Amino acid sequence: MDKSALRVIIADDEPITRMDLKEILSEKGYDVVGEAADGFDAIELCKQLSPDLVIMDIKMPLLDGLSAARIVFAEELAGTVILLTAYSEREFIDSAKELGVGGYLVKPVDEKSLIPNIELAVARSREMRQLRRDIAKVSERLENRSIIERAKGKIMARDGLTEQESYDYIRKLSQVKNISMRRVAEIVLMQAGG
């Protein structure tokens, strides 16, 4: 994985922890693009910088890391989140799993545990993003097919054409007018009243 391409935001209310993490990450070639001392600032930085990864403490003032991570995921502001904590309590771990965070590290964090967690979390995040894109494409194709099928039915009923002739009509109109077959089908359906 190309570390130099990874853009990281560190969110922790302890300046010393931020400094240590930044040092480890910078030495390993990661690009630390922002630092925050609370969850609100972390969210704002994510909105501005769209990082690949946010390393965030769970316990922070104003807005805790779990709540901030929930917003980061809901608004798709970062690739993934790794949570840091001094607590390994089941409640925090369960909440982190529910949110889909990429990693969960108990402080003090060292390079030996941090770097493998980053690599795995970012790789998993990229795989999931690709999977979501693939699913969206398949869904769009199915929706297109459904709309075209409905339009073919309207054309068949209206003009007494066969299924193939109706399809050919839509395809030819699409080529002549230089618009998608879906758009032609939508217009046919609007014209036919649904």
N, C-alpha and C. Protein backbone atom coordinates (compact mmCIF):
# COMPACT_ATOMS: atom_id res chain seq x y z
N MET A 1 0.85 -1.18 0.00
CA MET A 1 0.00 0.00 0.00
C MET A 1 0.89 1.24 0.00
N ASP A 2 0.58 2.21 -0.82
CA ASP A 2 1.36 3.44 -0.92
C ASP A 2 1.00 4.36 0.23
N LYS A 3 1.90 4.41 1.24
CA LYS A 3 1.64 5.19 2.44
C LYS A 3 1.60 6.69 2.17
N SER A 4 2.42 7.15 1.23
CA SER A 4 2.48 8.59 0.98
C SER A 4 1.14 9.13 0.49
N ALA A 5 0.33 8.25 -0.09
CA ALA A 5 -0.97 8.69 -0.58
C ALA A 5 -2.00 8.76 0.54
N LEU A 6 -1.68 8.19 1.71
CA LEU A 6 -2.64 8.17 2.81
C LEU A 6 -2.65 9.49 3.56
N ARG A 7 -3.82 10.11 3.58
CA ARG A 7 -4.00 11.38 4.28
C ARG A 7 -4.68 11.09 5.61
N VAL A 8 -4.04 11.52 6.70
CA VAL A 8 -4.49 11.16 8.05
C VAL A 8 -4.80 12.40 8.88
N ILE A 9 -5.90 12.30 9.65
CA ILE A 9 -6.21 13.31 10.67
C ILE A 9 -6.10 12.62 12.02
N ILE A 10 -5.45 13.30 12.96
CA ILE A 10 -5.32 12.78 14.33
C ILE A 10 -6.20 13.64 15.23
N ALA A 11 -7.07 12.97 16.00
CA ALA A 11 -7.96 13.69 16.93
C ALA A 11 -7.78 13.11 18.33
N ASP A 12 -7.21 13.92 19.21
CA ASP A 12 -6.99 13.50 20.59
C ASP A 12 -6.86 14.78 21.42
N ASP A 13 -7.46 14.80 22.61
CA ASP A 13 -7.39 16.01 23.42
C ASP A 13 -6.04 16.16 24.13
N GLU A 14 -5.20 15.15 24.07
CA GLU A 14 -3.87 15.24 24.68
C GLU A 14 -2.84 15.62 23.61
N PRO A 15 -2.27 16.84 23.71
CA PRO A 15 -1.29 17.28 22.71
C PRO A 15 -0.10 16.33 22.58
N ILE A 16 0.33 15.75 23.69
CA ILE A 16 1.49 14.85 23.66
C ILE A 16 1.18 13.61 22.83
N THR A 17 -0.05 13.09 22.95
CA THR A 17 -0.46 11.92 22.17
C THR A 17 -0.49 12.27 20.69
N ARG A 18 -1.06 13.43 20.36
CA ARG A 18 -1.09 13.86 18.96
C ARG A 18 0.33 13.97 18.40
N MET A 19 1.22 14.56 19.19
CA MET A 19 2.60 14.75 18.76
C MET A 19 3.29 13.39 18.53
N ASP A 20 3.09 12.46 19.46
CA ASP A 20 3.70 11.12 19.32
C ASP A 20 3.18 10.41 18.08
N LEU A 21 1.85 10.44 17.89
CA LEU A 21 1.26 9.78 16.72
C LEU A 21 1.75 10.42 15.43
N LYS A 22 1.80 11.74 15.41
CA LYS A 22 2.26 12.43 14.20
C LYS A 22 3.69 12.05 13.88
N GLU A 23 4.51 11.95 14.90
CA GLU A 23 5.91 11.59 14.69
C GLU A 23 6.03 10.17 14.10
N ILE A 24 5.30 9.23 14.70
CA ILE A 24 5.33 7.85 14.19
C ILE A 24 4.86 7.81 12.74
N LEU A 25 3.74 8.46 12.47
CA LEU A 25 3.16 8.42 11.12
C LEU A 25 4.05 9.12 10.09
N SER A 26 4.58 10.27 10.46
CA SER A 26 5.45 11.02 9.54
C SER A 26 6.70 10.22 9.21
N GLU A 27 7.29 9.58 10.24
CA GLU A 27 8.48 8.76 10.01
C GLU A 27 8.19 7.60 9.07
N LYS A 28 6.97 7.11 9.10
CA LYS A 28 6.58 5.98 8.24
C LYS A 28 6.05 6.44 6.88
N GLY A 29 6.07 7.74 6.62
CA GLY A 29 5.69 8.23 5.31
C GLY A 29 4.23 8.59 5.11
N TYR A 30 3.45 8.61 6.19
CA TYR A 30 2.05 9.01 6.07
C TYR A 30 1.96 10.54 6.07
N ASP A 31 0.91 11.06 5.46
CA ASP A 31 0.71 12.52 5.38
C ASP A 31 -0.33 12.94 6.42
N VAL A 32 0.15 13.47 7.55
CA VAL A 32 -0.77 13.95 8.59
C VAL A 32 -1.25 15.33 8.15
N VAL A 33 -2.49 15.40 7.71
CA VAL A 33 -3.02 16.64 7.12
C VAL A 33 -3.75 17.53 8.13
N GLY A 34 -4.04 16.99 9.32
CA GLY A 34 -4.74 17.81 10.31
C GLY A 34 -4.72 17.17 11.68
N GLU A 35 -4.90 18.04 12.69
CA GLU A 35 -4.97 17.59 14.08
C GLU A 35 -6.14 18.30 14.75
N ALA A 36 -6.82 17.57 15.64
CA ALA A 36 -7.97 18.14 16.36
C ALA A 36 -7.90 17.71 17.82
N ALA A 37 -8.47 18.56 18.69
CA ALA A 37 -8.47 18.28 20.13
C ALA A 37 -9.83 17.80 20.62
N ASP A 38 -10.85 17.84 19.74
CA ASP A 38 -12.17 17.34 20.14
C ASP A 38 -12.91 16.85 18.90
N GLY A 39 -14.03 16.19 19.15
CA GLY A 39 -14.80 15.59 18.06
C GLY A 39 -15.35 16.58 17.05
N PHE A 40 -15.77 17.77 17.53
CA PHE A 40 -16.30 18.78 16.62
C PHE A 40 -15.24 19.22 15.61
N ASP A 41 -14.04 19.51 16.13
CA ASP A 41 -12.95 19.94 15.24
C ASP A 41 -12.56 18.82 14.27
N ALA A 42 -12.60 17.57 14.75
CA ALA A 42 -12.27 16.43 13.89
C ALA A 42 -13.25 16.36 12.71
N ILE A 43 -14.53 16.54 13.00
CA ILE A 43 -15.55 16.50 11.94
C ILE A 43 -15.33 17.63 10.94
N GLU A 44 -15.07 18.83 11.43
CA GLU A 44 -14.84 19.97 10.54
C GLU A 44 -13.62 19.75 9.66
N LEU A 45 -12.53 19.22 10.26
CA LEU A 45 -11.34 18.93 9.47
C LEU A 45 -11.64 17.88 8.39
N CYS A 46 -12.41 16.88 8.76
CA CYS A 46 -12.78 15.84 7.78
C CYS A 46 -13.58 16.44 6.63
N LYS A 47 -14.50 17.36 6.94
CA LYS A 47 -15.28 18.01 5.89
C LYS A 47 -14.38 18.77 4.93
N GLN A 48 -13.36 19.43 5.47
CA GLN A 48 -12.46 20.23 4.65
C GLN A 48 -11.44 19.39 3.89
N LEU A 49 -10.94 18.32 4.51
CA LEU A 49 -9.76 17.64 3.98
C LEU A 49 -10.01 16.23 3.41
N SER A 50 -11.18 15.65 3.65
CA SER A 50 -11.52 14.30 3.16
C SER A 50 -10.36 13.30 3.32
N PRO A 51 -9.97 13.00 4.55
CA PRO A 51 -8.83 12.11 4.76
C PRO A 51 -9.17 10.65 4.46
N ASP A 52 -8.13 9.86 4.26
CA ASP A 52 -8.31 8.42 4.10
C ASP A 52 -8.57 7.78 5.45
N LEU A 53 -8.02 8.39 6.51
CA LEU A 53 -8.05 7.79 7.83
C LEU A 53 -8.12 8.87 8.90
N VAL A 54 -8.94 8.59 9.94
CA VAL A 54 -8.96 9.43 11.13
C VAL A 54 -8.58 8.53 12.30
N ILE A 55 -7.55 8.94 13.02
CA ILE A 55 -7.18 8.24 14.25
C ILE A 55 -7.72 9.11 15.37
N MET A 56 -8.67 8.56 16.14
CA MET A 56 -9.43 9.40 17.06
C MET A 56 -9.56 8.75 18.44
N ASP A 57 -9.30 9.55 19.47
CA ASP A 57 -9.48 9.11 20.84
C ASP A 57 -10.98 9.00 21.12
N ILE A 58 -11.37 8.02 21.93
CA ILE A 58 -12.78 7.88 22.28
C ILE A 58 -13.20 8.97 23.26
N LYS A 59 -12.40 9.21 24.28
CA LYS A 59 -12.74 10.19 25.33
C LYS A 59 -12.15 11.54 24.97
N MET A 60 -13.00 12.44 24.49
CA MET A 60 -12.58 13.82 24.19
C MET A 60 -13.65 14.77 24.69
N PRO A 61 -13.27 16.00 24.99
CA PRO A 61 -14.28 16.97 25.45
C PRO A 61 -15.23 17.38 24.32
N LEU A 62 -16.35 17.92 24.70
CA LEU A 62 -17.38 18.45 23.80
C LEU A 62 -18.10 17.36 23.00
N LEU A 63 -17.36 16.60 22.22
CA LEU A 63 -17.96 15.52 21.43
C LEU A 63 -16.98 14.36 21.45
N ASP A 64 -17.43 13.23 22.00
CA ASP A 64 -16.53 12.08 22.13
C ASP A 64 -16.25 11.43 20.77
N GLY A 65 -15.25 10.57 20.74
CA GLY A 65 -14.81 9.94 19.51
C GLY A 65 -15.84 9.03 18.87
N LEU A 66 -16.62 8.32 19.68
CA LEU A 66 -17.65 7.44 19.11
C LEU A 66 -18.71 8.26 18.39
N SER A 67 -19.15 9.34 19.02
CA SER A 67 -20.17 10.20 18.38
C SER A 67 -19.62 10.86 17.12
N ALA A 68 -18.37 11.31 17.19
CA ALA A 68 -17.75 11.93 16.02
C ALA A 68 -17.59 10.91 14.90
N ALA A 69 -17.19 9.69 15.25
CA ALA A 69 -17.03 8.63 14.24
C ALA A 69 -18.37 8.33 13.57
N ARG A 70 -19.44 8.32 14.36
CA ARG A 70 -20.78 8.06 13.81
C ARG A 70 -21.10 9.10 12.72
N ILE A 71 -20.79 10.36 12.99
CA ILE A 71 -21.05 11.44 12.02
C ILE A 71 -20.12 11.31 10.80
N VAL A 72 -18.85 11.01 11.05
CA VAL A 72 -17.89 10.84 9.95
C VAL A 72 -18.38 9.76 8.99
N PHE A 73 -18.86 8.63 9.53
CA PHE A 73 -19.35 7.55 8.68
C PHE A 73 -20.67 7.92 8.01
N ALA A 74 -21.58 8.52 8.76
CA ALA A 74 -22.90 8.86 8.20
C ALA A 74 -22.78 9.84 7.03
N GLU A 75 -21.84 10.78 7.15
CA GLU A 75 -21.68 11.80 6.12
C GLU A 75 -20.55 11.46 5.13
N GLU A 76 -19.98 10.26 5.28
CA GLU A 76 -18.89 9.80 4.41
C GLU A 76 -17.78 10.84 4.28
N LEU A 77 -17.27 11.28 5.44
CA LEU A 77 -16.26 12.34 5.48
C LEU A 77 -14.84 11.82 5.43
N ALA A 78 -14.65 10.52 5.68
CA ALA A 78 -13.30 9.93 5.68
C ALA A 78 -13.40 8.48 5.25
N GLY A 79 -12.27 7.94 4.81
CA GLY A 79 -12.26 6.54 4.40
C GLY A 79 -12.59 5.60 5.55
N THR A 80 -11.90 5.77 6.66
CA THR A 80 -12.16 4.94 7.83
C THR A 80 -11.66 5.63 9.10
N VAL A 81 -12.00 5.03 10.22
CA VAL A 81 -11.63 5.58 11.53
C VAL A 81 -11.00 4.47 12.36
N ILE A 82 -9.90 4.80 13.03
CA ILE A 82 -9.33 3.93 14.05
C ILE A 82 -9.50 4.66 15.38
N LEU A 83 -10.11 3.98 16.34
CA LEU A 83 -10.33 4.58 17.65
C LEU A 83 -9.21 4.23 18.61
N LEU A 84 -8.83 5.21 19.40
CA LEU A 84 -7.84 5.03 20.46
C LEU A 84 -8.55 5.17 21.79
N THR A 85 -8.11 4.41 22.77
CA THR A 85 -8.74 4.52 24.07
C THR A 85 -7.82 3.99 25.16
N ALA A 86 -8.03 4.48 26.34
CA ALA A 86 -7.34 3.93 27.51
C ALA A 86 -8.22 2.83 28.09
N TYR A 87 -9.39 2.64 27.50
CA TYR A 87 -10.38 1.70 28.02
C TYR A 87 -10.60 0.56 27.04
N SER A 88 -10.58 -0.65 27.54
CA SER A 88 -10.88 -1.79 26.67
C SER A 88 -12.20 -2.42 27.10
N GLU A 89 -13.10 -1.58 27.58
CA GLU A 89 -14.39 -2.07 28.07
C GLU A 89 -15.27 -2.55 26.92
N ARG A 90 -16.01 -3.61 27.20
CA ARG A 90 -16.87 -4.26 26.21
C ARG A 90 -17.84 -3.26 25.54
N GLU A 91 -18.38 -2.37 26.32
CA GLU A 91 -19.35 -1.39 25.81
C GLU A 91 -18.74 -0.56 24.67
N PHE A 92 -17.51 -0.11 24.86
CA PHE A 92 -16.84 0.69 23.83
C PHE A 92 -16.56 -0.16 22.58
N ILE A 93 -16.11 -1.39 22.82
CA ILE A 93 -15.79 -2.28 21.71
C ILE A 93 -17.05 -2.58 20.89
N ASP A 94 -18.15 -2.86 21.58
CA ASP A 94 -19.41 -3.14 20.88
C ASP A 94 -19.88 -1.94 20.08
N SER A 95 -19.78 -0.75 20.67
CA SER A 95 -20.17 0.47 19.95
C SER A 95 -19.30 0.68 18.72
N ALA A 96 -18.01 0.44 18.87
CA ALA A 96 -17.08 0.60 17.75
C ALA A 96 -17.42 -0.38 16.63
N LYS A 97 -17.75 -1.62 16.98
CA LYS A 97 -18.12 -2.62 15.97
C LYS A 97 -19.39 -2.20 15.24
N GLU A 98 -20.38 -1.72 16.01
CA GLU A 98 -21.63 -1.27 15.40
C GLU A 98 -21.41 -0.18 14.37
N LEU A 99 -20.50 0.74 14.69
CA LEU A 99 -20.22 1.86 13.78
C LEU A 99 -19.44 1.43 12.54
N GLY A 100 -18.74 0.32 12.65
CA GLY A 100 -17.93 -0.14 11.52
C GLY A 100 -16.55 0.49 11.47
N VAL A 101 -16.01 0.87 12.65
CA VAL A 101 -14.68 1.45 12.66
C VAL A 101 -13.66 0.44 12.17
N GLY A 102 -12.56 0.95 11.63
CA GLY A 102 -11.54 0.09 11.04
C GLY A 102 -10.59 -0.53 12.03
N GLY A 103 -10.48 0.06 13.22
CA GLY A 103 -9.55 -0.46 14.22
C GLY A 103 -9.84 0.12 15.58
N TYR A 104 -9.30 -0.55 16.60
CA TYR A 104 -9.54 -0.15 17.99
C TYR A 104 -8.26 -0.46 18.74
N LEU A 105 -7.56 0.57 19.18
CA LEU A 105 -6.28 0.38 19.86
C LEU A 105 -6.33 0.93 21.28
N VAL A 106 -5.75 0.18 22.20
CA VAL A 106 -5.69 0.61 23.59
C VAL A 106 -4.36 1.33 23.82
N LYS A 107 -4.42 2.50 24.46
CA LYS A 107 -3.22 3.28 24.75
C LYS A 107 -2.42 2.60 25.86
N PRO A 108 -1.14 2.77 25.91
CA PRO A 108 -0.31 3.55 24.98
C PRO A 108 -0.12 2.79 23.66
N VAL A 109 -0.15 3.55 22.57
CA VAL A 109 -0.04 2.97 21.24
C VAL A 109 1.41 3.04 20.78
N ASP A 110 1.89 1.93 20.24
CA ASP A 110 3.24 1.95 19.69
C ASP A 110 3.18 1.64 18.19
N GLU A 111 4.29 1.86 17.55
CA GLU A 111 4.38 1.68 16.10
C GLU A 111 4.03 0.25 15.68
N LYS A 112 4.42 -0.73 16.49
CA LYS A 112 4.19 -2.14 16.14
C LYS A 112 2.71 -2.48 16.07
N SER A 113 1.88 -1.82 16.85
CA SER A 113 0.44 -2.09 16.77
C SER A 113 -0.27 -1.10 15.85
N LEU A 114 0.23 0.12 15.77
CA LEU A 114 -0.43 1.16 14.99
C LEU A 114 -0.36 0.90 13.49
N ILE A 115 0.83 0.66 12.97
CA ILE A 115 1.01 0.57 11.52
C ILE A 115 0.23 -0.61 10.91
N PRO A 116 0.30 -1.84 11.49
CA PRO A 116 -0.52 -2.91 10.92
C PRO A 116 -2.01 -2.60 10.97
N ASN A 117 -2.47 -1.97 12.04
CA ASN A 117 -3.88 -1.59 12.14
C ASN A 117 -4.26 -0.61 11.04
N ILE A 118 -3.40 0.34 10.78
CA ILE A 118 -3.67 1.32 9.71
C ILE A 118 -3.76 0.61 8.37
N GLU A 119 -2.77 -0.23 8.07
CA GLU A 119 -2.74 -0.93 6.79
C GLU A 119 -4.02 -1.74 6.57
N LEU A 120 -4.41 -2.51 7.59
CA LEU A 120 -5.61 -3.34 7.48
C LEU A 120 -6.88 -2.50 7.37
N ALA A 121 -6.98 -1.48 8.20
CA ALA A 121 -8.20 -0.65 8.20
C ALA A 121 -8.39 0.06 6.86
N VAL A 122 -7.31 0.61 6.32
CA VAL A 122 -7.42 1.34 5.05
C VAL A 122 -7.70 0.37 3.90
N ALA A 123 -7.06 -0.78 3.91
CA ALA A 123 -7.31 -1.77 2.85
C ALA A 123 -8.77 -2.22 2.90
N ARG A 124 -9.28 -2.50 4.09
CA ARG A 124 -10.68 -2.93 4.24
C ARG A 124 -11.62 -1.82 3.79
N SER A 125 -11.30 -0.59 4.15
CA SER A 125 -12.12 0.55 3.77
C SER A 125 -12.18 0.69 2.24
N ARG A 126 -11.05 0.54 1.59
CA ARG A 126 -11.02 0.66 0.12
C ARG A 126 -11.82 -0.46 -0.53
N GLU A 127 -11.69 -1.67 0.01
CA GLU A 127 -12.47 -2.79 -0.51
C GLU A 127 -13.97 -2.54 -0.37
N MET A 128 -14.37 -2.04 0.79
CA MET A 128 -15.79 -1.77 1.03
C MET A 128 -16.30 -0.67 0.10
N ARG A 129 -15.50 0.36 -0.10
CA ARG A 129 -15.90 1.44 -0.99
C ARG A 129 -16.08 0.92 -2.42
N GLN A 130 -15.16 0.05 -2.88
CA GLN A 130 -15.27 -0.52 -4.21
C GLN A 130 -16.51 -1.40 -4.31
N LEU A 131 -16.78 -2.16 -3.26
CA LEU A 131 -17.97 -3.02 -3.23
C LEU A 131 -19.24 -2.18 -3.31
N ARG A 132 -19.28 -1.05 -2.57
CA ARG A 132 -20.46 -0.17 -2.63
C ARG A 132 -20.64 0.40 -4.04
N ARG A 133 -19.52 0.77 -4.69
CA ARG A 133 -19.61 1.30 -6.07
C ARG A 133 -20.14 0.22 -7.01
N ASP A 134 -19.63 -1.01 -6.86
CA ASP A 134 -20.09 -2.12 -7.71
C ASP A 134 -21.58 -2.38 -7.52
N ILE A 135 -22.02 -2.37 -6.27
CA ILE A 135 -23.44 -2.59 -5.97
C ILE A 135 -24.29 -1.48 -6.56
N ALA A 136 -23.80 -0.25 -6.47
CA ALA A 136 -24.55 0.88 -7.03
C ALA A 136 -24.69 0.74 -8.55
N LYS A 137 -23.62 0.28 -9.21
CA LYS A 137 -23.68 0.08 -10.67
C LYS A 137 -24.70 -0.99 -11.04
N VAL A 138 -24.66 -2.09 -10.31
CA VAL A 138 -25.61 -3.18 -10.59
C VAL A 138 -27.04 -2.71 -10.35
N SER A 139 -27.24 -1.98 -9.25
CA SER A 139 -28.58 -1.45 -8.95
C SER A 139 -29.06 -0.52 -10.05
N GLU A 140 -28.16 0.32 -10.53
CA GLU A 140 -28.53 1.26 -11.60
C GLU A 140 -28.89 0.50 -12.87
N ARG A 141 -28.11 -0.54 -13.19
CA ARG A 141 -28.43 -1.34 -14.38
C ARG A 141 -29.79 -2.00 -14.26
N LEU A 142 -30.08 -2.54 -13.07
CA LEU A 142 -31.38 -3.18 -12.85
C LEU A 142 -32.51 -2.17 -12.97
N GLU A 143 -32.30 -0.99 -12.42
CA GLU A 143 -33.33 0.05 -12.50
C GLU A 143 -33.53 0.48 -13.96
N ASN A 144 -32.42 0.64 -14.69
CA ASN A 144 -32.52 0.99 -16.12
C ASN A 144 -33.32 -0.06 -16.88
N ARG A 145 -32.96 -1.33 -16.62
CA ARG A 145 -33.64 -2.43 -17.31
C ARG A 145 -35.14 -2.42 -17.00
N SER A 146 -35.48 -2.17 -15.75
CA SER A 146 -36.89 -2.15 -15.34
C SER A 146 -37.65 -1.04 -16.06
N ILE A 147 -37.05 0.13 -16.13
CA ILE A 147 -37.70 1.27 -16.80
C ILE A 147 -37.86 0.99 -18.29
N ILE A 148 -36.82 0.43 -18.90
CA ILE A 148 -36.88 0.11 -20.33
C ILE A 148 -37.93 -0.96 -20.60
N GLU A 149 -38.02 -1.95 -19.70
CA GLU A 149 -39.03 -3.01 -19.85
C GLU A 149 -40.45 -2.43 -19.79
N ARG A 150 -40.67 -1.51 -18.84
CA ARG A 150 -41.99 -0.88 -18.74
C ARG A 150 -42.32 -0.08 -19.99
N ALA A 151 -41.32 0.64 -20.50
CA ALA A 151 -41.54 1.45 -21.71
C ALA A 151 -41.81 0.54 -22.91
N LYS A 152 -41.10 -0.58 -23.00
CA LYS A 152 -41.36 -1.53 -24.09
C LYS A 152 -42.81 -2.00 -24.04
N GLY A 153 -43.28 -2.29 -22.84
CA GLY A 153 -44.68 -2.73 -22.69
C GLY A 153 -45.66 -1.67 -23.18
N LYS A 154 -45.39 -0.42 -22.85
CA LYS A 154 -46.28 0.68 -23.30
C LYS A 154 -46.25 0.80 -24.83
N ILE A 155 -45.05 0.70 -25.41
CA ILE A 155 -44.92 0.81 -26.87
C ILE A 155 -45.62 -0.36 -27.55
N MET A 156 -45.44 -1.56 -26.99
CA MET A 156 -46.09 -2.75 -27.55
C MET A 156 -47.61 -2.58 -27.56
N ALA A 157 -48.14 -2.10 -26.44
CA ALA A 157 -49.60 -1.92 -26.33
C ALA A 157 -50.08 -0.79 -27.23
N ARG A 158 -49.33 0.30 -27.29
CA ARG A 158 -49.72 1.48 -28.05
C ARG A 158 -49.63 1.25 -29.56
N ASP A 159 -48.52 0.64 -30.02
CA ASP A 159 -48.25 0.55 -31.45
C ASP A 159 -48.41 -0.85 -32.03
N GLY A 160 -48.73 -1.82 -31.16
CA GLY A 160 -48.90 -3.19 -31.62
C GLY A 160 -47.61 -3.82 -32.12
N LEU A 161 -46.49 -3.44 -31.53
CA LEU A 161 -45.19 -3.98 -31.94
C LEU A 161 -44.83 -5.19 -31.09
N THR A 162 -43.89 -5.98 -31.62
CA THR A 162 -43.37 -7.09 -30.82
C THR A 162 -42.40 -6.54 -29.77
N GLU A 163 -42.01 -7.40 -28.86
CA GLU A 163 -41.06 -6.98 -27.83
C GLU A 163 -39.74 -6.53 -28.45
N GLN A 164 -39.23 -7.28 -29.41
CA GLN A 164 -37.97 -6.93 -30.08
C GLN A 164 -38.12 -5.62 -30.85
N GLU A 165 -39.24 -5.44 -31.54
CA GLU A 165 -39.46 -4.19 -32.30
C GLU A 165 -39.52 -3.00 -31.35
N SER A 166 -40.15 -3.19 -30.19
CA SER A 166 -40.23 -2.11 -29.20
C SER A 166 -38.84 -1.75 -28.68
N TYR A 167 -38.04 -2.78 -28.42
CA TYR A 167 -36.67 -2.56 -27.94
C TYR A 167 -35.86 -1.82 -29.01
N ASP A 168 -35.99 -2.29 -30.26
CA ASP A 168 -35.26 -1.65 -31.37
C ASP A 168 -35.68 -0.19 -31.53
N TYR A 169 -36.96 0.09 -31.33
CA TYR A 169 -37.48 1.47 -31.42
C TYR A 169 -36.79 2.35 -30.37
N ILE A 170 -36.73 1.86 -29.15
CA ILE A 170 -36.09 2.63 -28.06
C ILE A 170 -34.60 2.82 -28.36
N ARG A 171 -33.94 1.76 -28.79
CA ARG A 171 -32.51 1.84 -29.08
C ARG A 171 -32.24 2.82 -30.21
N LYS A 172 -33.03 2.74 -31.27
CA LYS A 172 -32.82 3.63 -32.42
C LYS A 172 -33.05 5.09 -32.03
N LEU A 173 -34.11 5.35 -31.29
CA LEU A 173 -34.40 6.71 -30.83
C LEU A 173 -33.25 7.23 -29.94
N SER A 174 -32.72 6.35 -29.12
CA SER A 174 -31.59 6.69 -28.26
C SER A 174 -30.38 7.13 -29.09
N GLN A 175 -30.11 6.38 -30.17
CA GLN A 175 -28.97 6.70 -31.03
C GLN A 175 -29.20 7.98 -31.82
N VAL A 176 -30.39 8.14 -32.37
CA VAL A 176 -30.71 9.31 -33.18
C VAL A 176 -30.67 10.60 -32.35
N LYS A 177 -31.23 10.53 -31.16
CA LYS A 177 -31.32 11.71 -30.30
C LYS A 177 -30.10 11.87 -29.38
N ASN A 178 -29.20 10.87 -29.44
CA ASN A 178 -27.98 10.90 -28.64
C ASN A 178 -28.28 11.05 -27.14
N ILE A 179 -29.23 10.27 -26.66
CA ILE A 179 -29.55 10.22 -25.23
C ILE A 179 -29.61 8.74 -24.83
N SER A 180 -29.55 8.49 -23.56
CA SER A 180 -29.54 7.10 -23.10
C SER A 180 -30.88 6.42 -23.37
N MET A 181 -30.83 5.09 -23.45
CA MET A 181 -32.06 4.32 -23.63
C MET A 181 -32.97 4.53 -22.42
N ARG A 182 -32.39 4.68 -21.25
CA ARG A 182 -33.21 4.92 -20.06
C ARG A 182 -33.98 6.23 -20.22
N ARG A 183 -33.31 7.26 -20.71
CA ARG A 183 -33.98 8.56 -20.87
C ARG A 183 -35.12 8.46 -21.88
N VAL A 184 -34.88 7.75 -22.97
CA VAL A 184 -35.95 7.54 -23.97
C VAL A 184 -37.12 6.83 -23.29
N ALA A 185 -36.81 5.77 -22.51
CA ALA A 185 -37.85 5.01 -21.84
C ALA A 185 -38.62 5.89 -20.85
N GLU A 186 -37.93 6.75 -20.14
CA GLU A 186 -38.61 7.65 -19.19
C GLU A 186 -39.57 8.59 -19.91
N ILE A 187 -39.12 9.09 -21.06
CA ILE A 187 -39.97 9.99 -21.85
C ILE A 187 -41.20 9.24 -22.38
N VAL A 188 -40.99 8.02 -22.86
CA VAL A 188 -42.10 7.19 -23.33
C VAL A 188 -43.10 6.99 -22.20
N LEU A 189 -42.60 6.68 -20.99
CA LEU A 189 -43.48 6.45 -19.86
C LEU A 189 -44.21 7.72 -19.43
N MET A 190 -43.53 8.87 -19.49
CA MET A 190 -44.19 10.16 -19.15
C MET A 190 -45.29 10.44 -20.16
N GLN A 191 -44.98 10.21 -21.43
CA GLN A 191 -45.94 10.46 -22.50
C GLN A 191 -47.17 9.55 -22.33
N ALA A 192 -46.92 8.33 -21.88
CA ALA A 192 -48.00 7.37 -21.72
C ALA A 192 -48.70 7.52 -20.37
N GLY A 193 -48.20 8.45 -19.57
CA GLY A 193 -48.82 8.67 -18.26
C GLY A 193 -48.43 7.63 -17.22
N GLY A 194 -47.13 7.21 -17.22
CA GLY A 194 -46.68 6.30 -16.17
C GLY A 194 -46.06 5.12 -16.74
